[in-house]
């Protein structure tokens, strides 16, 4: 990635802590930094509980970040938001949620759900203009205009997720955060939804932060990948770098868990387990080591020496 290019989203030392009790604090996200460039898909992967979804929610300000800096297209959206910055954020960043049923209002028709953002921000001059935009985005996500008057419960899971995508895209946002948006769907429907997202990106130049734990799907859709574990990004690089030359043992363990389509090869596959305490890894003691312009690993000097000489 060219050093001269300005990132669309710059996240620096982002922390998101939750107080559980007077003495206990959960560090869901503990000082992560990454950039996302315009028109690309940045995949954020890791097992459940690693802090991926919390990262997405902090960036879009569903949570108040504990610390760190978030710069979105030149707008600082990390501290207390001004009215202008909040409006800019809400109009130019959107989120596709994990559960397609829980995030849709069951009492509203699909066209009302999709048009909500347009009405709140008064982006259309007439009802006809709203209807035209809703119909256009329904066509784009592969739903018929006749379905606009139905309620969410009248759709299948895959169709509901398409409604969620339509709602996110109707404002034509610069950045879409897709939070585990395919994990609740059947495998065949997952492929349809991911292909749809890729087509929309080609047509509209949309930028994605794609959060998932399915590495094979992330490999298919992402330009660059960040591997997250226990609130830290332990390795980041292009898709080729992560899959062809993984360095961090956690990344290696994730890749070893991917099933192989060939049953003969699958029989011989050995899943490698990773335990940071057994490995003696301390994320807070490590710093970023660069293996290329894009490939970086969080580790101490001793750990890097150990891992590269295996």
C-alpha atoms as a PDB file:
ATOM      1  CA  UNK A   1       0.000   0.000   0.000  1.00  0.00           C
ATOM      2  CA  UNK A   2       1.531   3.309  -1.029  1.00  0.00           C
ATOM      3  CA  UNK A   3       2.780   5.416   1.872  1.00  0.00           C
ATOM      4  CA  UNK A   4       1.528   8.547   0.074  1.00  0.00           C
ATOM      5  CA  UNK A   5      -2.079   7.370   0.022  1.00  0.00           C
ATOM      6  CA  UNK A   6      -4.212   8.815   2.774  1.00  0.00           C
ATOM      7  CA  UNK A   7      -6.282   6.184   4.581  1.00  0.00           C
ATOM      8  CA  UNK A   8     -10.063   6.558   4.627  1.00  0.00           C
ATOM      9  CA  UNK A   9     -10.059   5.241   8.216  1.00  0.00           C
ATOM     10  CA  UNK A  10      -7.110   5.625  10.587  1.00  0.00           C
ATOM     11  CA  UNK A  11      -7.349   3.839  13.938  1.00  0.00           C
ATOM     12  CA  UNK A  12      -4.551   4.516  16.422  1.00  0.00           C
ATOM     13  CA  UNK A  13      -4.100   2.862  19.834  1.00  0.00           C
ATOM     14  CA  UNK A  14      -7.848   2.175  20.182  1.00  0.00           C
ATOM     15  CA  UNK A  15      -8.882   0.877  23.607  1.00  0.00           C
ATOM     16  CA  UNK A  16     -12.328  -0.272  24.685  1.00  0.00           C
ATOM     17  CA  UNK A  17     -12.609  -1.306  28.344  1.00  0.00           C
ATOM     18  CA  UNK A  18     -15.763  -2.409  30.151  1.00  0.00           C
ATOM     19  CA  UNK A  19     -16.103  -2.184  33.910  1.00  0.00           C
ATOM     20  CA  UNK A  20     -17.574  -5.442  35.239  1.00  0.00           C
ATOM     21  CA  UNK A  21     -17.392  -4.566  38.933  1.00  0.00           C
ATOM     22  CA  UNK A  22     -15.607  -2.079  41.182  1.00  0.00           C
ATOM     23  CA  UNK A  23     -12.342  -4.018  40.877  1.00  0.00           C
ATOM     24  CA  UNK A  24     -12.702  -5.848  37.567  1.00  0.00           C
ATOM     25  CA  UNK A  25     -12.263  -4.342  34.099  1.00  0.00           C
ATOM     26  CA  UNK A  26     -12.488  -6.306  30.836  1.00  0.00           C
ATOM     27  CA  UNK A  27     -10.062  -5.057  28.193  1.00  0.00           C
ATOM     28  CA  UNK A  28     -12.059  -6.037  25.079  1.00  0.00           C
ATOM     29  CA  UNK A  29      -9.844  -3.966  22.764  1.00  0.00           C
ATOM     30  CA  UNK A  30      -6.408  -3.091  24.108  1.00  0.00           C
ATOM     31  CA  UNK A  31      -4.497  -0.583  22.006  1.00  0.00           C
ATOM     32  CA  UNK A  32      -4.927  -1.594  18.341  1.00  0.00           C
ATOM     33  CA  UNK A  33      -3.885   0.439  15.284  1.00  0.00           C
ATOM     34  CA  UNK A  34      -4.689  -0.072  11.592  1.00  0.00           C
ATOM     35  CA  UNK A  35      -5.577   1.837   8.415  1.00  0.00           C
ATOM     36  CA  UNK A  36      -8.230   1.136   5.794  1.00  0.00           C
ATOM     37  CA  UNK A  37      -7.827   2.652   2.328  1.00  0.00           C
ATOM     38  CA  UNK A  38     -10.602   3.735   0.001  1.00  0.00           C
ATOM     39  CA  UNK A  39     -12.138   0.984  -2.149  1.00  0.00           C
ATOM     40  CA  UNK A  40     -10.489  -1.932  -0.322  1.00  0.00           C
ATOM     41  CA  UNK A  41     -11.796  -4.645   1.997  1.00  0.00           C
ATOM     42  CA  UNK A  42      -9.960  -5.026   5.304  1.00  0.00           C
ATOM     43  CA  UNK A  43     -10.726  -8.354   6.975  1.00  0.00           C
ATOM     44  CA  UNK A  44     -10.604  -8.543  10.764  1.00  0.00           C
ATOM     45  CA  UNK A  45     -10.405 -12.168  11.909  1.00  0.00           C
ATOM     46  CA  UNK A  46     -10.046 -14.057  15.163  1.00  0.00           C
ATOM     47  CA  UNK A  47     -11.919 -16.489  17.381  1.00  0.00           C
ATOM     48  CA  UNK A  48     -15.040 -15.533  19.348  1.00  0.00           C
ATOM     49  CA  UNK A  49     -14.256 -13.113  22.158  1.00  0.00           C
ATOM     50  CA  UNK A  50     -11.136 -11.649  20.539  1.00  0.00           C
ATOM     51  CA  UNK A  51     -12.656  -8.136  20.318  1.00  0.00           C
ATOM     52  CA  UNK A  52     -13.524  -7.931  16.601  1.00  0.00           C
ATOM     53  CA  UNK A  53     -17.175  -6.860  16.938  1.00  0.00           C
ATOM     54  CA  UNK A  54     -16.313  -4.470  19.776  1.00  0.00           C
ATOM     55  CA  UNK A  55     -13.764  -2.820  17.461  1.00  0.00           C
ATOM     56  CA  UNK A  56     -16.431  -2.302  14.770  1.00  0.00           C
ATOM     57  CA  UNK A  57     -18.940  -0.922  17.268  1.00  0.00           C
ATOM     58  CA  UNK A  58     -16.367   1.451  18.768  1.00  0.00           C
ATOM     59  CA  UNK A  59     -15.407   2.789  15.318  1.00  0.00           C
ATOM     60  CA  UNK A  60     -19.032   3.553  14.410  1.00  0.00           C
ATOM     61  CA  UNK A  61     -19.494   4.977  17.926  1.00  0.00           C
ATOM     62  CA  UNK A  62     -22.116   2.572  19.225  1.00  0.00           C
ATOM     63  CA  UNK A  63     -19.662   2.394  22.141  1.00  0.00           C
ATOM     64  CA  UNK A  64     -17.752   5.323  23.625  1.00  0.00           C
ATOM     65  CA  UNK A  65     -14.048   4.438  23.102  1.00  0.00           C
ATOM     66  CA  UNK A  66     -11.997   4.375  26.313  1.00  0.00           C
ATOM     67  CA  UNK A  67      -8.908   5.771  24.596  1.00  0.00           C
ATOM     68  CA  UNK A  68      -7.263   6.169  21.200  1.00  0.00           C
ATOM     69  CA  UNK A  69      -7.763   8.073  17.994  1.00  0.00           C
ATOM     70  CA  UNK A  70     -10.195   7.376  15.123  1.00  0.00           C
ATOM     71  CA  UNK A  71      -9.839   9.567  12.022  1.00  0.00           C
ATOM     72  CA  UNK A  72     -12.501   8.979   9.367  1.00  0.00           C
ATOM     73  CA  UNK A  73     -11.892  10.772   6.048  1.00  0.00           C
ATOM     74  CA  UNK A  74     -10.227  13.690   7.839  1.00  0.00           C
ATOM     75  CA  UNK A  75     -12.830  13.900  10.630  1.00  0.00           C
ATOM     76  CA  UNK A  76     -11.715  13.106  14.176  1.00  0.00           C
ATOM     77  CA  UNK A  77     -14.526  10.908  15.549  1.00  0.00           C
ATOM     78  CA  UNK A  78     -12.760   9.598  18.656  1.00  0.00           C
ATOM     79  CA  UNK A  79     -13.654  12.055  21.409  1.00  0.00           C
ATOM     80  CA  UNK A  80     -16.842  13.963  22.122  1.00  0.00           C
ATOM     81  CA  UNK A  81     -18.488  14.406  18.739  1.00  0.00           C
ATOM     82  CA  UNK A  82     -19.595  17.800  17.479  1.00  0.00           C
ATOM     83  CA  UNK A  83     -23.004  17.890  15.813  1.00  0.00           C
ATOM     84  CA  UNK A  84     -21.376  18.233  12.386  1.00  0.00           C
ATOM     85  CA  UNK A  85     -18.986  15.305  12.917  1.00  0.00           C
ATOM     86  CA  UNK A  86     -21.773  13.090  14.250  1.00  0.00           C
ATOM     87  CA  UNK A  87     -23.959  13.861  11.236  1.00  0.00           C
ATOM     88  CA  UNK A  88     -21.018  13.211   8.881  1.00  0.00           C
ATOM     89  CA  UNK A  89     -20.342   9.888  10.621  1.00  0.00           C
ATOM     90  CA  UNK A  90     -23.984   8.757  10.477  1.00  0.00           C
ATOM     91  CA  UNK A  91     -24.300   9.660   6.791  1.00  0.00           C
ATOM     92  CA  UNK A  92     -21.000   8.173   5.604  1.00  0.00           C
ATOM     93  CA  UNK A  93     -20.499   5.065   7.744  1.00  0.00           C
ATOM     94  CA  UNK A  94     -22.943   2.159   7.992  1.00  0.00           C
ATOM     95  CA  UNK A  95     -23.061  -1.238   9.663  1.00  0.00           C
ATOM     96  CA  UNK A  96     -24.430  -4.635   8.623  1.00  0.00           C
ATOM     97  CA  UNK A  97     -25.203  -6.629  11.755  1.00  0.00           C
ATOM     98  CA  UNK A  98     -24.719 -10.300  12.547  1.00  0.00           C
ATOM     99  CA  UNK A  99     -28.332 -11.297  13.276  1.00  0.00           C
ATOM    100  CA  UNK A 100     -30.541 -10.288  10.330  1.00  0.00           C
ATOM    101  CA  UNK A 101     -33.759 -10.693  12.345  1.00  0.00           C
ATOM    102  CA  UNK A 102     -32.770  -8.944  15.576  1.00  0.00           C
ATOM    103  CA  UNK A 103     -31.612  -5.769  13.803  1.00  0.00           C
ATOM    104  CA  UNK A 104     -34.806  -5.187  11.758  1.00  0.00           C
ATOM    105  CA  UNK A 105     -37.867  -3.561  13.313  1.00  0.00           C
ATOM    106  CA  UNK A 106     -40.597  -6.266  13.109  1.00  0.00           C
ATOM    107  CA  UNK A 107     -43.368  -3.638  13.054  1.00  0.00           C
ATOM    108  CA  UNK A 108     -42.088  -1.791  10.008  1.00  0.00           C
ATOM    109  CA  UNK A 109     -42.335  -2.685   6.347  1.00  0.00           C
ATOM    110  CA  UNK A 110     -39.101  -3.269   4.479  1.00  0.00           C
ATOM    111  CA  UNK A 111     -39.371  -0.012   2.521  1.00  0.00           C
ATOM    112  CA  UNK A 112     -39.767   1.949   5.787  1.00  0.00           C
ATOM    113  CA  UNK A 113     -36.723   0.200   7.320  1.00  0.00           C
ATOM    114  CA  UNK A 114     -34.547   0.968   4.293  1.00  0.00           C
ATOM    115  CA  UNK A 115     -35.761   4.573   3.942  1.00  0.00           C
ATOM    116  CA  UNK A 116     -35.243   5.474   7.615  1.00  0.00           C
ATOM    117  CA  UNK A 117     -31.785   7.032   7.112  1.00  0.00           C
ATOM    118  CA  UNK A 118     -32.938   9.070   4.111  1.00  0.00           C
ATOM    119  CA  UNK A 119     -35.830  10.486   6.140  1.00  0.00           C
ATOM    120  CA  UNK A 120     -33.799  11.226   9.296  1.00  0.00           C
ATOM    121  CA  UNK A 121     -31.134  13.148   7.365  1.00  0.00           C
ATOM    122  CA  UNK A 122     -33.692  14.720   4.960  1.00  0.00           C
ATOM    123  CA  UNK A 123     -31.721  13.625   1.902  1.00  0.00           C
ATOM    124  CA  UNK A 124     -34.748  13.508  -0.418  1.00  0.00           C
ATOM    125  CA  UNK A 125     -37.118  16.303  -1.407  1.00  0.00           C
ATOM    126  CA  UNK A 126     -40.195  14.132  -1.960  1.00  0.00           C
ATOM    127  CA  UNK A 127     -41.716  10.736  -1.214  1.00  0.00           C
ATOM    128  CA  UNK A 128     -41.268   9.819  -4.880  1.00  0.00           C
ATOM    129  CA  UNK A 129     -37.520  10.384  -4.596  1.00  0.00           C
ATOM    130  CA  UNK A 130     -37.378   8.205  -1.446  1.00  0.00           C
ATOM    131  CA  UNK A 131     -39.343   5.427  -3.197  1.00  0.00           C
ATOM    132  CA  UNK A 132     -37.047   5.613  -6.235  1.00  0.00           C
ATOM    133  CA  UNK A 133     -33.920   5.267  -4.062  1.00  0.00           C
ATOM    134  CA  UNK A 134     -35.438   2.359  -2.107  1.00  0.00           C
ATOM    135  CA  UNK A 135     -36.450   0.580  -5.333  1.00  0.00           C
ATOM    136  CA  UNK A 136     -32.971   1.154  -6.801  1.00  0.00           C
ATOM    137  CA  UNK A 137     -31.193  -0.355  -3.756  1.00  0.00           C
ATOM    138  CA  UNK A 138     -33.654  -3.306  -3.665  1.00  0.00           C
ATOM    139  CA  UNK A 139     -32.747  -4.065  -7.290  1.00  0.00           C
ATOM    140  CA  UNK A 140     -29.068  -3.797  -6.397  1.00  0.00           C
ATOM    141  CA  UNK A 141     -29.289  -6.387  -3.589  1.00  0.00           C
ATOM    142  CA  UNK A 142     -31.422  -8.790  -5.628  1.00  0.00           C
ATOM    143  CA  UNK A 143     -34.856  -8.264  -4.043  1.00  0.00           C
ATOM    144  CA  UNK A 144     -37.987  -7.424  -6.028  1.00  0.00           C
ATOM    145  CA  UNK A 145     -39.823  -4.117  -5.611  1.00  0.00           C
ATOM    146  CA  UNK A 146     -43.020  -5.997  -4.755  1.00  0.00           C
ATOM    147  CA  UNK A 147     -41.292  -7.230  -1.570  1.00  0.00           C
ATOM    148  CA  UNK A 148     -40.927  -3.657  -0.286  1.00  0.00           C
ATOM    149  CA  UNK A 149     -44.349  -3.755   1.392  1.00  0.00           C
ATOM    150  CA  UNK A 150     -43.634  -6.966   3.341  1.00  0.00           C
ATOM    151  CA  UNK A 151     -42.535  -7.280   6.967  1.00  0.00           C
ATOM    152  CA  UNK A 152     -39.184  -8.839   8.048  1.00  0.00           C
ATOM    153  CA  UNK A 153     -40.779 -12.071   9.321  1.00  0.00           C
ATOM    154  CA  UNK A 154     -42.027 -12.797   5.783  1.00  0.00           C
ATOM    155  CA  UNK A 155     -38.448 -13.221   4.510  1.00  0.00           C
ATOM    156  CA  UNK A 156     -35.870 -16.001   4.767  1.00  0.00           C
ATOM    157  CA  UNK A 157     -32.577 -15.429   6.634  1.00  0.00           C
ATOM    158  CA  UNK A 158     -30.645 -14.693   3.448  1.00  0.00           C
ATOM    159  CA  UNK A 159     -33.307 -12.248   2.225  1.00  0.00           C
ATOM    160  CA  UNK A 160     -33.342 -10.496   5.606  1.00  0.00           C
ATOM    161  CA  UNK A 161     -29.576 -10.035   5.406  1.00  0.00           C
ATOM    162  CA  UNK A 162     -30.073  -8.505   1.944  1.00  0.00           C
ATOM    163  CA  UNK A 163     -32.518  -6.048   3.532  1.00  0.00           C
ATOM    164  CA  UNK A 164     -29.817  -5.222   6.101  1.00  0.00           C
ATOM    165  CA  UNK A 165     -27.313  -4.642   3.284  1.00  0.00           C
ATOM    166  CA  UNK A 166     -29.848  -2.473   1.403  1.00  0.00           C
ATOM    167  CA  UNK A 167     -30.431  -0.379   4.542  1.00  0.00           C
ATOM    168  CA  UNK A 168     -26.660   0.117   4.923  1.00  0.00           C
ATOM    169  CA  UNK A 169     -26.145   1.042   1.245  1.00  0.00           C
ATOM    170  CA  UNK A 170     -29.105   3.346   0.607  1.00  0.00           C
ATOM    171  CA  UNK A 171     -27.159   6.350   1.984  1.00  0.00           C
ATOM    172  CA  UNK A 172     -24.218   5.478  -0.323  1.00  0.00           C
ATOM    173  CA  UNK A 173     -21.738   5.411   2.609  1.00  0.00           C
ATOM    174  CA  UNK A 174     -17.964   5.610   2.204  1.00  0.00           C
ATOM    175  CA  UNK A 175     -17.339   2.806   4.740  1.00  0.00           C
ATOM    176  CA  UNK A 176     -19.474  -0.239   5.565  1.00  0.00           C
ATOM    177  CA  UNK A 177     -18.664  -2.294   8.678  1.00  0.00           C
ATOM    178  CA  UNK A 178     -19.875  -5.862   8.085  1.00  0.00           C
ATOM    179  CA  UNK A 179     -19.994  -7.493  11.518  1.00  0.00           C
ATOM    180  CA  UNK A 180     -20.112 -11.294  11.101  1.00  0.00           C
ATOM    181  CA  UNK A 181     -22.799 -10.587   8.498  1.00  0.00           C
ATOM    182  CA  UNK A 182     -22.734 -14.108   7.021  1.00  0.00           C
ATOM    183  CA  UNK A 183     -22.222 -16.294  10.095  1.00  0.00           C
ATOM    184  CA  UNK A 184     -25.979 -16.858  10.676  1.00  0.00           C
ATOM    185  CA  UNK A 185     -26.575 -18.004   7.077  1.00  0.00           C
ATOM    186  CA  UNK A 186     -26.328 -21.323   5.218  1.00  0.00           C
ATOM    187  CA  UNK A 187     -23.078 -21.856   3.311  1.00  0.00           C
ATOM    188  CA  UNK A 188     -24.697 -21.465  -0.139  1.00  0.00           C
ATOM    189  CA  UNK A 189     -26.404 -18.236   0.970  1.00  0.00           C
ATOM    190  CA  UNK A 190     -23.113 -16.991   2.464  1.00  0.00           C
ATOM    191  CA  UNK A 191     -21.507 -17.223  -0.985  1.00  0.00           C
ATOM    192  CA  UNK A 192     -24.417 -15.282  -2.556  1.00  0.00           C
ATOM    193  CA  UNK A 193     -24.182 -12.493   0.045  1.00  0.00           C
ATOM    194  CA  UNK A 194     -20.381 -12.180  -0.262  1.00  0.00           C
ATOM    195  CA  UNK A 195     -20.579 -12.122  -4.080  1.00  0.00           C
ATOM    196  CA  UNK A 196     -23.268  -9.448  -3.798  1.00  0.00           C
ATOM    197  CA  UNK A 197     -20.991  -7.352  -1.547  1.00  0.00           C
ATOM    198  CA  UNK A 198     -18.118  -7.712  -4.024  1.00  0.00           C
ATOM    199  CA  UNK A 199     -20.364  -6.660  -6.957  1.00  0.00           C
ATOM    200  CA  UNK A 200     -21.573  -3.612  -5.032  1.00  0.00           C
ATOM    201  CA  UNK A 201     -17.959  -2.701  -4.240  1.00  0.00           C
ATOM    202  CA  UNK A 202     -17.069  -2.896  -7.944  1.00  0.00           C
ATOM    203  CA  UNK A 203     -20.068  -0.722  -8.893  1.00  0.00           C
ATOM    204  CA  UNK A 204     -19.968   1.861  -6.101  1.00  0.00           C
ATOM    205  CA  UNK A 205     -16.367   1.777  -4.841  1.00  0.00           C
ATOM    206  CA  UNK A 206     -17.566   0.959  -1.307  1.00  0.00           C
ATOM    207  CA  UNK A 207     -14.931   0.320   1.377  1.00  0.00           C
ATOM    208  CA  UNK A 208     -15.522  -2.586   3.792  1.00  0.00           C
ATOM    209  CA  UNK A 209     -14.320  -3.520   7.250  1.00  0.00           C
ATOM    210  CA  UNK A 210     -15.221  -7.212   7.053  1.00  0.00           C
ATOM    211  CA  UNK A 211     -15.361  -8.831  10.506  1.00  0.00           C
ATOM    212  CA  UNK A 212     -15.503 -12.656  10.513  1.00  0.00           C
ATOM    213  CA  UNK A 213     -14.052 -15.826  11.960  1.00  0.00           C
ATOM    214  CA  UNK A 214     -14.368 -17.847   8.732  1.00  0.00           C
ATOM    215  CA  UNK A 215     -10.893 -17.493   7.238  1.00  0.00           C
ATOM    216  CA  UNK A 216     -11.722 -19.060   3.885  1.00  0.00           C
ATOM    217  CA  UNK A 217     -14.438 -16.442   3.296  1.00  0.00           C
ATOM    218  CA  UNK A 218     -12.123 -13.661   4.468  1.00  0.00           C
ATOM    219  CA  UNK A 219      -9.471 -14.895   2.007  1.00  0.00           C
ATOM    220  CA  UNK A 220     -12.014 -14.642  -0.822  1.00  0.00           C
ATOM    221  CA  UNK A 221     -13.243 -11.095  -0.094  1.00  0.00           C
ATOM    222  CA  UNK A 222     -10.341  -9.258   1.617  1.00  0.00           C
ATOM    223  CA  UNK A 223      -7.420  -7.268   0.217  1.00  0.00           C
ATOM    224  CA  UNK A 224      -5.673  -7.063   3.599  1.00  0.00           C
ATOM    225  CA  UNK A 225      -6.239  -8.980   6.838  1.00  0.00           C
ATOM    226  CA  UNK A 226      -5.742  -8.162  10.507  1.00  0.00           C
ATOM    227  CA  UNK A 227      -5.560 -11.148  12.893  1.00  0.00           C
ATOM    228  CA  UNK A 228      -6.967 -10.313  16.315  1.00  0.00           C
ATOM    229  CA  UNK A 229      -6.537 -12.157  19.621  1.00  0.00           C
ATOM    230  CA  UNK A 230      -7.547 -11.074  23.134  1.00  0.00           C
ATOM    231  CA  UNK A 231      -7.939  -7.411  22.156  1.00  0.00           C
ATOM    232  CA  UNK A 232      -4.667  -7.137  20.178  1.00  0.00           C
ATOM    233  CA  UNK A 233      -3.954  -7.239  16.439  1.00  0.00           C
ATOM    234  CA  UNK A 234      -1.136  -9.795  16.440  1.00  0.00           C
ATOM    235  CA  UNK A 235      -0.464  -9.864  12.669  1.00  0.00           C
ATOM    236  CA  UNK A 236      -1.563  -7.841   9.671  1.00  0.00           C
ATOM    237  CA  UNK A 237      -0.748  -8.093   5.975  1.00  0.00           C
ATOM    238  CA  UNK A 238      -2.123  -8.630   2.504  1.00  0.00           C
ATOM    239  CA  UNK A 239      -4.223 -11.771   2.001  1.00  0.00           C
ATOM    240  CA  UNK A 240      -1.312 -13.472   0.184  1.00  0.00           C
ATOM    241  CA  UNK A 241       1.166 -12.607   2.956  1.00  0.00           C
ATOM    242  CA  UNK A 242      -1.077 -13.940   5.738  1.00  0.00           C
ATOM    243  CA  UNK A 243      -1.932 -17.186   3.944  1.00  0.00           C
ATOM    244  CA  UNK A 244       1.453 -17.888   2.313  1.00  0.00           C
ATOM    245  CA  UNK A 245       3.783 -16.673   5.046  1.00  0.00           C
ATOM    246  CA  UNK A 246       2.085 -16.583   8.490  1.00  0.00           C
ATOM    247  CA  UNK A 247       4.568 -15.761  11.268  1.00  0.00           C
ATOM    248  CA  UNK A 248       2.613 -15.422  14.519  1.00  0.00           C
ATOM    249  CA  UNK A 249       1.742 -18.847  16.027  1.00  0.00           C
ATOM    250  CA  UNK A 250      -1.864 -17.709  16.564  1.00  0.00           C
ATOM    251  CA  UNK A 251      -2.225 -16.985  12.836  1.00  0.00           C
ATOM    252  CA  UNK A 252      -0.702 -20.391  12.052  1.00  0.00           C
ATOM    253  CA  UNK A 253      -3.183 -22.089  14.433  1.00  0.00           C
ATOM    254  CA  UNK A 254      -6.144 -20.311  12.761  1.00  0.00           C
ATOM    255  CA  UNK A 255      -4.978 -21.332   9.282  1.00  0.00           C
ATOM    256  CA  UNK A 256      -4.447 -24.943  10.396  1.00  0.00           C
ATOM    257  CA  UNK A 257      -8.114 -25.117  11.442  1.00  0.00           C
ATOM    258  CA  UNK A 258      -9.438 -24.458   7.900  1.00  0.00           C
ATOM    259  CA  UNK A 259     -10.992 -27.680   6.509  1.00  0.00           C
ATOM    260  CA  UNK A 260      -9.635 -28.827   3.146  1.00  0.00           C
ATOM    261  CA  UNK A 261     -12.144 -29.684   0.351  1.00  0.00           C
ATOM    262  CA  UNK A 262     -10.049 -32.678  -0.749  1.00  0.00           C
ATOM    263  CA  UNK A 263     -10.925 -35.556   1.645  1.00  0.00           C
ATOM    264  CA  UNK A 264      -7.494 -37.206   1.219  1.00  0.00           C
ATOM    265  CA  UNK A 265      -5.684 -33.980   2.178  1.00  0.00           C
ATOM    266  CA  UNK A 266      -8.259 -33.278   4.912  1.00  0.00           C
ATOM    267  CA  UNK A 267      -7.500 -36.664   6.530  1.00  0.00           C
ATOM    268  CA  UNK A 268      -3.862 -35.632   6.930  1.00  0.00           C
ATOM    269  CA  UNK A 269      -4.599 -32.099   8.167  1.00  0.00           C
ATOM    270  CA  UNK A 270      -3.307 -31.432  11.691  1.00  0.00           C
ATOM    271  CA  UNK A 271      -4.915 -28.600  13.646  1.00  0.00           C
ATOM    272  CA  UNK A 272      -2.250 -26.732  15.627  1.00  0.00           C
ATOM    273  CA  UNK A 273      -3.316 -25.443  19.036  1.00  0.00           C
ATOM    274  CA  UNK A 274      -2.095 -22.128  20.450  1.00  0.00           C
ATOM    275  CA  UNK A 275      -1.934 -21.034  24.070  1.00  0.00           C
ATOM    276  CA  UNK A 276      -0.275 -17.670  24.666  1.00  0.00           C
ATOM    277  CA  UNK A 277       0.637 -18.501  28.274  1.00  0.00           C
ATOM    278  CA  UNK A 278       2.282 -21.812  27.324  1.00  0.00           C
ATOM    279  CA  UNK A 279       4.126 -20.019  24.509  1.00  0.00           C
ATOM    280  CA  UNK A 280       5.151 -17.343  27.016  1.00  0.00           C
ATOM    281  CA  UNK A 281       3.766 -14.561  24.813  1.00  0.00           C
ATOM    282  CA  UNK A 282       3.061 -11.169  26.386  1.00  0.00           C
ATOM    283  CA  UNK A 283       1.199  -8.922  23.944  1.00  0.00           C
ATOM    284  CA  UNK A 284       1.806  -5.800  26.057  1.00  0.00           C
ATOM    285  CA  UNK A 285       5.588  -6.363  25.974  1.00  0.00           C
ATOM    286  CA  UNK A 286       5.692  -6.759  22.180  1.00  0.00           C
ATOM    287  CA  UNK A 287       6.020  -4.100  19.501  1.00  0.00           C
ATOM    288  CA  UNK A 288       5.368  -4.033  15.762  1.00  0.00           C
ATOM    289  CA  UNK A 289       7.910  -5.771  13.520  1.00  0.00           C
ATOM    290  CA  UNK A 290       7.733  -5.078   9.764  1.00  0.00           C
ATOM    291  CA  UNK A 291       8.451  -7.878   7.276  1.00  0.00           C
ATOM    292  CA  UNK A 292       7.302  -5.784   4.308  1.00  0.00           C
ATOM    293  CA  UNK A 293       5.503  -2.506   3.736  1.00  0.00           C
ATOM    294  CA  UNK A 294       2.202  -4.223   4.596  1.00  0.00           C
ATOM    295  CA  UNK A 295       3.180  -7.303   6.657  1.00  0.00           C
ATOM    296  CA  UNK A 296       3.565  -6.549  10.386  1.00  0.00           C
ATOM    297  CA  UNK A 297       3.693  -8.774  13.485  1.00  0.00           C
ATOM    298  CA  UNK A 298       3.241  -7.849  17.161  1.00  0.00           C
ATOM    299  CA  UNK A 299       6.051  -9.500  19.157  1.00  0.00           C
ATOM    300  CA  UNK A 300       9.214  -9.016  21.179  1.00  0.00           C
ATOM    301  CA  UNK A 301      12.613  -9.384  19.451  1.00  0.00           C
ATOM    302  CA  UNK A 302      13.139 -12.802  21.101  1.00  0.00           C
ATOM    303  CA  UNK A 303       9.736 -14.071  19.919  1.00  0.00           C
ATOM    304  CA  UNK A 304      10.401 -12.972  16.333  1.00  0.00           C
ATOM    305  CA  UNK A 305      13.748 -14.768  16.373  1.00  0.00           C
ATOM    306  CA  UNK A 306      12.102 -17.923  17.737  1.00  0.00           C
ATOM    307  CA  UNK A 307       9.233 -17.895  15.234  1.00  0.00           C
ATOM    308  CA  UNK A 308      11.304 -17.110  12.133  1.00  0.00           C
ATOM    309  CA  UNK A 309      13.898 -19.792  12.902  1.00  0.00           C
ATOM    310  CA  UNK A 310      11.381 -22.634  13.278  1.00  0.00           C
END
